[in-house]
Amino acid sequence: MTIDQRLTAEAIAELLEAYAGSPVGTAEGAVAGPDGWLGICGRLAVYLELILKWNARINLTAIREPEQIVRRHFGESLFVGVRLGACATLLDYGSGAGFPGLPIQLLRPDVAVTLAESRSRKAAFLREAVRVLGLKTEVWAGRVEAMPGGRQFDAVALRAVDDMEAAVEQAGLRARERVLIVGSSRCPVYSGLAKNFRMAEPVALPESSDGALWIARRVKA
């Protein structure tokens, strides 16, 4: 399966405008200049082609339309990325097909991103995507709970993971500074973060009826 011919780098940039605007120059660590942003979108086009190819064999995503993959998966991932702030290390908890970690890695090459995915076939896809895109992104092919106990990250991001409440609690154990959650705008109850984190007001996701980004920041002692 080949990429939809309409989805050039320029077309992808247009689809992502509502989510990322013009992130280059506004996102700390992003590649500078207009050619940098179009370069990111060109690599997203390669990533999209790889998703479409693998999705014919394994269930990477229930979304099949290329434009919707760009909007929902790439767009929401970059929406997180432009709000990441100062960050040296990021854990994408339950990465699946690489969201939000891989688009963030393309936007923020300064960040050491780790994609955690316990399902072996999806982890194999992630390794191939990292290879094809020429990234140094780490793929952790296992459960986050199985990571060395002391391993932490500046930020942990979660999107569409199973048992979100339990996952958020685990994310809080791994996050030195922030936990970023893509979920519903309806007020969540994340008891696992209540003691050590303060949740900011949600930021509404573009083109979504109730989607929102929640950012919890660790309370300093």
C-alpha atoms as a PDB file:
ATOM      1  CA  MET A   1       0.000   0.000   0.000  1.00  0.00           C
ATOM      2  CA  THR A   2       1.386   3.396  -0.933  1.00  0.00           C
ATOM      3  CA  ILE A   3       0.859   6.744   0.649  1.00  0.00           C
ATOM      4  CA  ASP A   4      -2.087   8.829  -0.510  1.00  0.00           C
ATOM      5  CA  GLN A   5      -0.558  11.060  -3.183  1.00  0.00           C
ATOM      6  CA  ARG A   6      -2.337  14.118  -1.788  1.00  0.00           C
ATOM      7  CA  LEU A   7      -0.414  13.904   1.437  1.00  0.00           C
ATOM      8  CA  THR A   8       2.758  15.730   0.556  1.00  0.00           C
ATOM      9  CA  ALA A   9       4.764  17.430   3.285  1.00  0.00           C
ATOM     10  CA  GLU A  10       2.897  20.641   2.464  1.00  0.00           C
ATOM     11  CA  ALA A  11      -0.496  18.918   2.703  1.00  0.00           C
ATOM     12  CA  ILE A  12       0.421  17.326   6.036  1.00  0.00           C
ATOM     13  CA  ALA A  13       1.603  20.709   7.344  1.00  0.00           C
ATOM     14  CA  GLU A  14      -1.783  22.177   6.434  1.00  0.00           C
ATOM     15  CA  LEU A  15      -3.665  19.356   8.163  1.00  0.00           C
ATOM     16  CA  LEU A  16      -1.567  19.848  11.289  1.00  0.00           C
ATOM     17  CA  GLU A  17      -1.963  23.605  11.490  1.00  0.00           C
ATOM     18  CA  ALA A  18      -4.900  23.433  13.905  1.00  0.00           C
ATOM     19  CA  TYR A  19      -2.861  21.228  16.262  1.00  0.00           C
ATOM     20  CA  ALA A  20       0.654  22.581  15.993  1.00  0.00           C
ATOM     21  CA  GLY A  21       0.230  25.944  14.310  1.00  0.00           C
ATOM     22  CA  SER A  22       3.733  26.937  13.355  1.00  0.00           C
ATOM     23  CA  PRO A  23       5.626  25.023  16.027  1.00  0.00           C
ATOM     24  CA  VAL A  24       9.100  25.724  14.714  1.00  0.00           C
ATOM     25  CA  GLY A  25      10.505  28.565  16.777  1.00  0.00           C
ATOM     26  CA  THR A  26       7.773  28.242  19.422  1.00  0.00           C
ATOM     27  CA  ALA A  27       8.540  24.746  20.684  1.00  0.00           C
ATOM     28  CA  GLU A  28      11.772  24.683  22.657  1.00  0.00           C
ATOM     29  CA  GLY A  29      14.242  22.385  20.916  1.00  0.00           C
ATOM     30  CA  ALA A  30      12.292  22.186  17.637  1.00  0.00           C
ATOM     31  CA  VAL A  31      14.211  22.284  14.361  1.00  0.00           C
ATOM     32  CA  ALA A  32      14.554  25.944  13.371  1.00  0.00           C
ATOM     33  CA  GLY A  33      13.283  27.553  10.175  1.00  0.00           C
ATOM     34  CA  PRO A  34      10.513  26.803   7.659  1.00  0.00           C
ATOM     35  CA  ASP A  35      12.556  24.101   5.926  1.00  0.00           C
ATOM     36  CA  GLY A  36      12.878  22.374   9.283  1.00  0.00           C
ATOM     37  CA  TRP A  37       9.108  22.229   9.778  1.00  0.00           C
ATOM     38  CA  LEU A  38       8.521  20.988   6.232  1.00  0.00           C
ATOM     39  CA  GLY A  39      11.285  18.483   6.806  1.00  0.00           C
ATOM     40  CA  ILE A  40       9.436  17.201   9.880  1.00  0.00           C
ATOM     41  CA  CYS A  41       6.240  16.883   7.826  1.00  0.00           C
ATOM     42  CA  GLY A  42       8.154  15.032   5.116  1.00  0.00           C
ATOM     43  CA  ARG A  43       9.337  12.501   7.689  1.00  0.00           C
ATOM     44  CA  LEU A  44       5.771  12.229   8.995  1.00  0.00           C
ATOM     45  CA  ALA A  45       4.770  11.321   5.423  1.00  0.00           C
ATOM     46  CA  VAL A  46       7.294   8.456   5.508  1.00  0.00           C
ATOM     47  CA  TYR A  47       5.961   7.411   8.922  1.00  0.00           C
ATOM     48  CA  LEU A  48       2.404   7.484   7.578  1.00  0.00           C
ATOM     49  CA  GLU A  49       3.325   5.231   4.662  1.00  0.00           C
ATOM     50  CA  LEU A  50       4.887   2.767   7.087  1.00  0.00           C
ATOM     51  CA  ILE A  51       1.759   2.772   9.279  1.00  0.00           C
ATOM     52  CA  LEU A  52      -0.480   2.104   6.273  1.00  0.00           C
ATOM     53  CA  LYS A  53       1.767  -0.744   5.124  1.00  0.00           C
ATOM     54  CA  TRP A  54       1.927  -2.448   8.522  1.00  0.00           C
ATOM     55  CA  ASN A  55      -1.703  -1.771   9.342  1.00  0.00           C
ATOM     56  CA  ALA A  56      -2.671  -4.098   6.507  1.00  0.00           C
ATOM     57  CA  ARG A  57      -1.033  -6.947   8.468  1.00  0.00           C
ATOM     58  CA  ILE A  58      -1.401  -6.048  12.129  1.00  0.00           C
ATOM     59  CA  ASN A  59      -3.878  -3.801  13.915  1.00  0.00           C
ATOM     60  CA  LEU A  60      -1.796  -0.723  14.649  1.00  0.00           C
ATOM     61  CA  THR A  61      -4.764   1.665  14.594  1.00  0.00           C
ATOM     62  CA  ALA A  62      -8.494   1.422  13.962  1.00  0.00           C
ATOM     63  CA  ILE A  63      -8.268   4.656  11.977  1.00  0.00           C
ATOM     64  CA  ARG A  64      -7.694   3.778   8.322  1.00  0.00           C
ATOM     65  CA  GLU A  65      -8.046   7.099   6.493  1.00  0.00           C
ATOM     66  CA  PRO A  66      -4.622   8.733   6.009  1.00  0.00           C
ATOM     67  CA  GLU A  67      -5.925  12.244   6.655  1.00  0.00           C
ATOM     68  CA  GLN A  68      -7.524  11.124   9.925  1.00  0.00           C
ATOM     69  CA  ILE A  69      -4.294   9.416  10.979  1.00  0.00           C
ATOM     70  CA  VAL A  70      -2.511  12.716  10.383  1.00  0.00           C
ATOM     71  CA  ARG A  71      -5.088  14.730  12.310  1.00  0.00           C
ATOM     72  CA  ARG A  72      -5.852  12.400  15.189  1.00  0.00           C
ATOM     73  CA  HIS A  73      -2.554  10.615  15.760  1.00  0.00           C
ATOM     74  CA  PHE A  74       0.091  13.012  14.445  1.00  0.00           C
ATOM     75  CA  GLY A  75      -1.847  16.147  15.349  1.00  0.00           C
ATOM     76  CA  GLU A  76      -2.659  15.182  18.927  1.00  0.00           C
ATOM     77  CA  SER A  77       0.909  13.986  19.441  1.00  0.00           C
ATOM     78  CA  LEU A  78       2.361  17.286  18.247  1.00  0.00           C
ATOM     79  CA  PHE A  79      -0.204  19.127  20.365  1.00  0.00           C
ATOM     80  CA  VAL A  80       1.514  17.476  23.334  1.00  0.00           C
ATOM     81  CA  GLY A  81       4.962  18.160  21.899  1.00  0.00           C
ATOM     82  CA  VAL A  82       4.549  21.916  21.555  1.00  0.00           C
ATOM     83  CA  ARG A  83       3.488  22.051  25.230  1.00  0.00           C
ATOM     84  CA  LEU A  84       6.240  19.797  26.540  1.00  0.00           C
ATOM     85  CA  GLY A  85       8.514  22.595  27.706  1.00  0.00           C
ATOM     86  CA  ALA A  86      12.057  22.054  28.924  1.00  0.00           C
ATOM     87  CA  CYS A  87      12.645  18.322  28.868  1.00  0.00           C
ATOM     88  CA  ALA A  88      15.667  16.058  28.451  1.00  0.00           C
ATOM     89  CA  THR A  89      13.961  12.661  28.731  1.00  0.00           C
ATOM     90  CA  LEU A  90      10.425  11.535  27.860  1.00  0.00           C
ATOM     91  CA  LEU A  91       8.660   8.208  28.341  1.00  0.00           C
ATOM     92  CA  ASP A  92       5.802   7.392  25.973  1.00  0.00           C
ATOM     93  CA  TYR A  93       3.811   5.000  28.158  1.00  0.00           C
ATOM     94  CA  GLY A  94       1.934   2.376  26.101  1.00  0.00           C
ATOM     95  CA  SER A  95       3.170   3.768  22.799  1.00  0.00           C
ATOM     96  CA  GLY A  96       1.197   1.488  20.451  1.00  0.00           C
ATOM     97  CA  ALA A  97       2.062   2.695  16.957  1.00  0.00           C
ATOM     98  CA  GLY A  98       4.284   5.441  18.369  1.00  0.00           C
ATOM     99  CA  PHE A  99       1.883   8.060  19.689  1.00  0.00           C
ATOM    100  CA  PRO A 100       2.667  10.538  21.003  1.00  0.00           C
ATOM    101  CA  GLY A 101       6.358   9.670  21.248  1.00  0.00           C
ATOM    102  CA  LEU A 102       7.513   9.454  17.628  1.00  0.00           C
ATOM    103  CA  PRO A 103       5.983  12.723  16.353  1.00  0.00           C
ATOM    104  CA  ILE A 104       7.364  14.415  19.486  1.00  0.00           C
ATOM    105  CA  GLN A 105      10.796  12.951  18.721  1.00  0.00           C
ATOM    106  CA  LEU A 106      10.670  14.416  15.215  1.00  0.00           C
ATOM    107  CA  LEU A 107       9.646  17.797  16.606  1.00  0.00           C
ATOM    108  CA  ARG A 108      12.043  17.691  19.562  1.00  0.00           C
ATOM    109  CA  PRO A 109      15.312  15.995  18.537  1.00  0.00           C
ATOM    110  CA  ASP A 110      16.853  17.359  21.740  1.00  0.00           C
ATOM    111  CA  VAL A 111      14.718  15.009  23.859  1.00  0.00           C
ATOM    112  CA  ALA A 112      15.736  11.393  24.539  1.00  0.00           C
ATOM    113  CA  VAL A 113      12.414   9.616  23.924  1.00  0.00           C
ATOM    114  CA  THR A 114      11.658   6.079  25.116  1.00  0.00           C
ATOM    115  CA  LEU A 115       8.700   4.230  23.593  1.00  0.00           C
ATOM    116  CA  ALA A 116       7.319   1.616  25.997  1.00  0.00           C
ATOM    117  CA  GLU A 117       5.163  -1.036  24.317  1.00  0.00           C
ATOM    118  CA  SER A 118       4.546  -4.492  25.777  1.00  0.00           C
ATOM    119  CA  ARG A 119       2.890  -6.077  22.722  1.00  0.00           C
ATOM    120  CA  SER A 120       5.632  -7.701  20.687  1.00  0.00           C
ATOM    121  CA  ARG A 121       4.243  -7.040  17.197  1.00  0.00           C
ATOM    122  CA  LYS A 122       3.720  -3.355  17.907  1.00  0.00           C
ATOM    123  CA  ALA A 123       7.169  -3.146  19.478  1.00  0.00           C
ATOM    124  CA  ALA A 124       8.573  -4.669  16.264  1.00  0.00           C
ATOM    125  CA  PHE A 125       6.786  -1.961  14.275  1.00  0.00           C
ATOM    126  CA  LEU A 126       8.247   0.718  16.524  1.00  0.00           C
ATOM    127  CA  ARG A 127      11.768  -0.599  16.015  1.00  0.00           C
ATOM    128  CA  GLU A 128      11.224  -0.549  12.238  1.00  0.00           C
ATOM    129  CA  ALA A 129       9.802   2.987  12.354  1.00  0.00           C
ATOM    130  CA  VAL A 130      12.789   4.188  14.386  1.00  0.00           C
ATOM    131  CA  ARG A 131      15.143   2.550  11.862  1.00  0.00           C
ATOM    132  CA  VAL A 132      13.380   3.935   8.783  1.00  0.00           C
ATOM    133  CA  LEU A 133      13.163   7.448  10.233  1.00  0.00           C
ATOM    134  CA  GLY A 134      16.815   7.374  11.277  1.00  0.00           C
ATOM    135  CA  LEU A 135      16.096   8.149  14.927  1.00  0.00           C
ATOM    136  CA  LYS A 136      17.944   7.236  18.121  1.00  0.00           C
ATOM    137  CA  THR A 137      14.672   6.688  19.977  1.00  0.00           C
ATOM    138  CA  GLU A 138      14.710   3.801  22.445  1.00  0.00           C
ATOM    139  CA  VAL A 139      12.060   1.081  22.214  1.00  0.00           C
ATOM    140  CA  TRP A 140      11.312  -0.657  25.510  1.00  0.00           C
ATOM    141  CA  ALA A 141       9.578  -3.891  24.465  1.00  0.00           C
ATOM    142  CA  GLY A 142       7.925  -4.663  27.769  1.00  0.00           C
ATOM    143  CA  ARG A 143       5.785  -3.308  30.551  1.00  0.00           C
ATOM    144  CA  VAL A 144       6.790  -0.078  32.221  1.00  0.00           C
ATOM    145  CA  GLU A 145       6.605  -1.847  35.576  1.00  0.00           C
ATOM    146  CA  ALA A 146       9.463  -4.101  34.414  1.00  0.00           C
ATOM    147  CA  MET A 147      11.880  -1.195  33.937  1.00  0.00           C
ATOM    148  CA  PRO A 148      14.654  -0.885  36.514  1.00  0.00           C
ATOM    149  CA  GLY A 149      13.093   0.485  39.674  1.00  0.00           C
ATOM    150  CA  GLY A 150      15.105   3.679  39.828  1.00  0.00           C
ATOM    151  CA  ARG A 151      14.680   4.670  36.211  1.00  0.00           C
ATOM    152  CA  GLN A 152      12.870   7.993  35.824  1.00  0.00           C
ATOM    153  CA  PHE A 153      12.155  10.538  33.103  1.00  0.00           C
ATOM    154  CA  ASP A 154      11.620  14.282  33.114  1.00  0.00           C
ATOM    155  CA  ALA A 155       8.163  13.733  31.634  1.00  0.00           C
ATOM    156  CA  VAL A 156       5.821  10.822  30.967  1.00  0.00           C
ATOM    157  CA  ALA A 157       3.111  11.017  28.292  1.00  0.00           C
ATOM    158  CA  LEU A 158       0.045   8.775  27.996  1.00  0.00           C
ATOM    159  CA  ARG A 159      -2.553   8.541  25.255  1.00  0.00           C
ATOM    160  CA  ALA A 160      -5.257   5.900  24.752  1.00  0.00           C
ATOM    161  CA  VAL A 161      -3.730   3.315  27.084  1.00  0.00           C
ATOM    162  CA  ASP A 162      -5.587   0.452  28.745  1.00  0.00           C
ATOM    163  CA  ASP A 163      -6.628   1.004  32.381  1.00  0.00           C
ATOM    164  CA  MET A 164      -5.690   4.673  32.382  1.00  0.00           C
ATOM    165  CA  GLU A 165      -6.065   5.071  36.145  1.00  0.00           C
ATOM    166  CA  ALA A 166      -3.480   2.359  36.899  1.00  0.00           C
ATOM    167  CA  ALA A 167      -1.200   3.568  34.099  1.00  0.00           C
ATOM    168  CA  VAL A 168      -1.276   7.152  35.386  1.00  0.00           C
ATOM    169  CA  GLU A 169      -0.296   5.943  38.844  1.00  0.00           C
ATOM    170  CA  GLN A 170       2.692   4.111  37.363  1.00  0.00           C
ATOM    171  CA  ALA A 171       3.534   7.175  35.271  1.00  0.00           C
ATOM    172  CA  GLY A 172       3.698   9.249  38.437  1.00  0.00           C
ATOM    173  CA  LEU A 173       6.361   6.918  39.804  1.00  0.00           C
ATOM    174  CA  ARG A 174       8.504   7.446  36.695  1.00  0.00           C
ATOM    175  CA  ALA A 175       8.054  11.200  36.192  1.00  0.00           C
ATOM    176  CA  ARG A 176      10.488  13.628  37.792  1.00  0.00           C
ATOM    177  CA  GLU A 177       8.655  16.734  36.597  1.00  0.00           C
ATOM    178  CA  ARG A 178       5.442  16.229  34.600  1.00  0.00           C
ATOM    179  CA  VAL A 179       2.812  13.747  33.493  1.00  0.00           C
ATOM    180  CA  LEU A 180       0.949  14.622  30.280  1.00  0.00           C
ATOM    181  CA  ILE A 181      -2.329  12.829  29.625  1.00  0.00           C
ATOM    182  CA  VAL A 182      -4.396  12.955  26.440  1.00  0.00           C
ATOM    183  CA  GLY A 183      -7.919  12.058  27.484  1.00  0.00           C
ATOM    184  CA  SER A 184     -11.405  13.382  28.071  1.00  0.00           C
ATOM    185  CA  SER A 185     -12.146  16.969  29.073  1.00  0.00           C
ATOM    186  CA  ARG A 186     -14.453  15.602  31.765  1.00  0.00           C
ATOM    187  CA  CYS A 187     -12.600  15.996  35.042  1.00  0.00           C
ATOM    188  CA  PRO A 188     -10.590  12.800  35.637  1.00  0.00           C
ATOM    189  CA  VAL A 189      -9.911  11.337  39.034  1.00  0.00           C
ATOM    190  CA  TYR A 190      -6.284  10.275  39.036  1.00  0.00           C
ATOM    191  CA  SER A 191      -5.817   9.387  42.675  1.00  0.00           C
ATOM    192  CA  GLY A 192      -2.312   8.078  42.019  1.00  0.00           C
ATOM    193  CA  LEU A 193      -1.131  11.621  41.258  1.00  0.00           C
ATOM    194  CA  ALA A 194      -3.019  13.446  43.988  1.00  0.00           C
ATOM    195  CA  LYS A 195      -0.271  13.397  46.624  1.00  0.00           C
ATOM    196  CA  ASN A 196       2.759  14.479  44.609  1.00  0.00           C
ATOM    197  CA  PHE A 197       1.372  16.313  41.563  1.00  0.00           C
ATOM    198  CA  ARG A 198      -0.819  19.321  40.889  1.00  0.00           C
ATOM    199  CA  MET A 199      -3.116  19.087  37.859  1.00  0.00           C
ATOM    200  CA  ALA A 200      -3.438  22.165  35.661  1.00  0.00           C
ATOM    201  CA  GLU A 201      -6.632  23.152  33.881  1.00  0.00           C
ATOM    202  CA  PRO A 202      -7.151  21.005  30.760  1.00  0.00           C
ATOM    203  CA  VAL A 203      -6.313  22.321  27.311  1.00  0.00           C
ATOM    204  CA  ALA A 204      -8.971  21.400  24.730  1.00  0.00           C
ATOM    205  CA  LEU A 205      -7.806  19.355  21.753  1.00  0.00           C
ATOM    206  CA  PRO A 206      -8.577  20.910  18.359  1.00  0.00           C
ATOM    207  CA  GLU A 207     -11.320  19.295  16.273  1.00  0.00           C
ATOM    208  CA  SER A 208     -12.518  17.180  19.204  1.00  0.00           C
ATOM    209  CA  SER A 209     -15.837  17.309  21.039  1.00  0.00           C
ATOM    210  CA  ASP A 210     -14.419  16.427  24.454  1.00  0.00           C
ATOM    211  CA  GLY A 211     -10.718  15.594  24.080  1.00  0.00           C
ATOM    212  CA  ALA A 212      -8.219  17.442  26.258  1.00  0.00           C
ATOM    213  CA  LEU A 213      -4.606  17.507  27.339  1.00  0.00           C
ATOM    214  CA  TRP A 214      -4.056  17.322  31.096  1.00  0.00           C
ATOM    215  CA  ILE A 215      -0.672  18.311  32.513  1.00  0.00           C
ATOM    216  CA  ALA A 216       0.235  17.338  36.079  1.00  0.00           C
ATOM    217  CA  ARG A 217       3.337  18.941  37.587  1.00  0.00           C
ATOM    218  CA  ARG A 218       5.232  17.487  40.496  1.00  0.00           C
ATOM    219  CA  VAL A 219       4.928  19.489  43.684  1.00  0.00           C
ATOM    220  CA  LYS A 220       8.349  20.426  44.964  1.00  0.00           C
ATOM    221  CA  ALA A 221       9.095  19.640  48.578  1.00  0.00           C
END
